[in-house]
Amino acid sequence: MKHPCHKNQISSLRRIKGQIEGVERMIEQGKYCVDILNQIKATKNAISTVEGKVLQTHLQECIKESFNGNGDSDNKIDEIVKLLKR
């Protein structure tokens, strides 16, 4: 099976990296706790968005392919269930 490409998430990941660096600077500069927490919350939401997009691609391409005849659908379902339980 060919794995789908997630390169379209690189720009989002770079933005998240910048947000994390911003949180680090805020802590070093002694910024107000609520401001730091707001930035952390925004970063977590951005990570969740990337996670959702990768999961959606996995479901649409990898899981869908497993139902089209290669007999691996039970394993793929188990894989997703384990992933979602984490």
Protein backbone atom coordinates (compact mmCIF):
# COMPACT_ATOMS: atom_id res chain seq x y z
CA MET A 1 0.00 0.00 0.00
CA LYS A 2 1.26 3.46 -0.88
CA HIS A 3 0.99 5.90 2.02
CA PRO A 4 -0.78 9.20 1.39
CA CYS A 5 1.16 12.43 1.30
CA HIS A 6 0.70 14.88 4.17
CA LYS A 7 3.07 17.55 2.87
CA ASN A 8 0.19 20.02 2.79
CA GLN A 9 0.37 20.03 6.60
CA ILE A 10 3.97 21.30 6.67
CA SER A 11 2.98 24.98 6.67
CA SER A 12 0.61 24.38 9.58
CA LEU A 13 3.31 22.51 11.48
CA ARG A 14 5.77 25.36 10.91
CA ARG A 15 3.18 27.81 12.22
CA ILE A 16 2.70 25.59 15.29
CA LYS A 17 6.46 25.49 15.78
CA GLY A 18 6.42 29.30 15.77
CA GLN A 19 3.60 29.33 18.31
CA ILE A 20 5.59 27.04 20.62
CA GLU A 21 8.64 29.26 20.27
CA GLY A 22 6.37 32.20 21.10
CA VAL A 23 5.19 30.50 24.28
CA GLU A 24 8.82 29.90 25.23
CA ARG A 25 9.61 33.61 24.71
CA MET A 26 6.55 34.62 26.70
CA ILE A 27 7.69 32.48 29.63
CA GLU A 28 11.25 33.81 29.41
CA GLN A 29 9.90 37.38 29.40
CA GLY A 30 7.62 36.73 32.37
CA LYS A 31 4.37 37.47 30.51
CA TYR A 32 0.99 37.25 32.20
CA CYS A 33 -0.14 33.67 32.92
CA VAL A 34 -3.47 34.01 31.11
CA ASP A 35 -1.73 35.30 27.98
CA ILE A 36 0.60 32.30 28.05
CA LEU A 37 -2.32 29.93 28.59
CA ASN A 38 -4.24 31.49 25.68
CA GLN A 39 -1.26 30.92 23.40
CA ILE A 40 -0.90 27.33 24.62
CA LYS A 41 -4.62 26.74 23.97
CA ALA A 42 -4.27 28.14 20.43
CA THR A 43 -1.29 25.85 19.83
CA LYS A 44 -3.18 22.79 21.08
CA ASN A 45 -6.11 23.66 18.80
CA ALA A 46 -3.77 24.00 15.83
CA ILE A 47 -2.23 20.59 16.59
CA SER A 48 -5.72 19.07 16.85
CA THR A 49 -6.59 20.53 13.46
CA VAL A 50 -3.52 18.93 11.84
CA GLU A 51 -4.29 15.66 13.61
CA GLY A 52 -7.85 15.73 12.27
CA LYS A 53 -6.67 16.35 8.72
CA VAL A 54 -4.14 13.50 8.86
CA LEU A 55 -6.81 11.20 10.31
CA GLN A 56 -9.31 12.21 7.64
CA THR A 57 -6.79 11.46 4.90
CA HIS A 58 -6.01 8.11 6.53
CA LEU A 59 -9.70 7.20 6.64
CA GLN A 60 -10.37 8.34 3.09
CA GLU A 61 -7.34 6.69 1.53
CA CYS A 62 -5.84 3.91 3.67
CA ILE A 63 -8.98 2.61 5.34
CA LYS A 64 -11.09 2.95 2.20
CA GLU A 65 -8.46 1.00 0.26
CA SER A 66 -8.57 -1.83 2.82
CA PHE A 67 -12.28 -2.29 2.10
CA ASN A 68 -11.66 -2.55 -1.63
CA GLY A 69 -10.43 -6.10 -1.68
CA ASN A 70 -7.04 -6.50 -0.04
CA GLY A 71 -8.56 -8.27 3.01
CA ASP A 72 -6.91 -6.04 5.60
CA SER A 73 -10.06 -4.22 6.76
CA ASP A 74 -10.30 -5.91 10.19
CA ASN A 75 -6.72 -4.96 11.01
CA LYS A 76 -7.31 -1.39 9.87
CA ILE A 77 -10.45 -1.10 12.01
CA ASP A 78 -8.54 -2.41 15.05
CA GLU A 79 -5.77 0.06 14.33
CA ILE A 80 -8.19 3.00 14.32
CA VAL A 81 -9.97 1.84 17.49
CA LYS A 82 -6.63 1.60 19.33
CA LEU A 83 -5.61 5.00 18.05
CA LEU A 84 -8.82 6.66 19.20
CA LYS A 85 -8.57 5.06 22.66
CA ARG A 86 -5.21 6.74 23.34
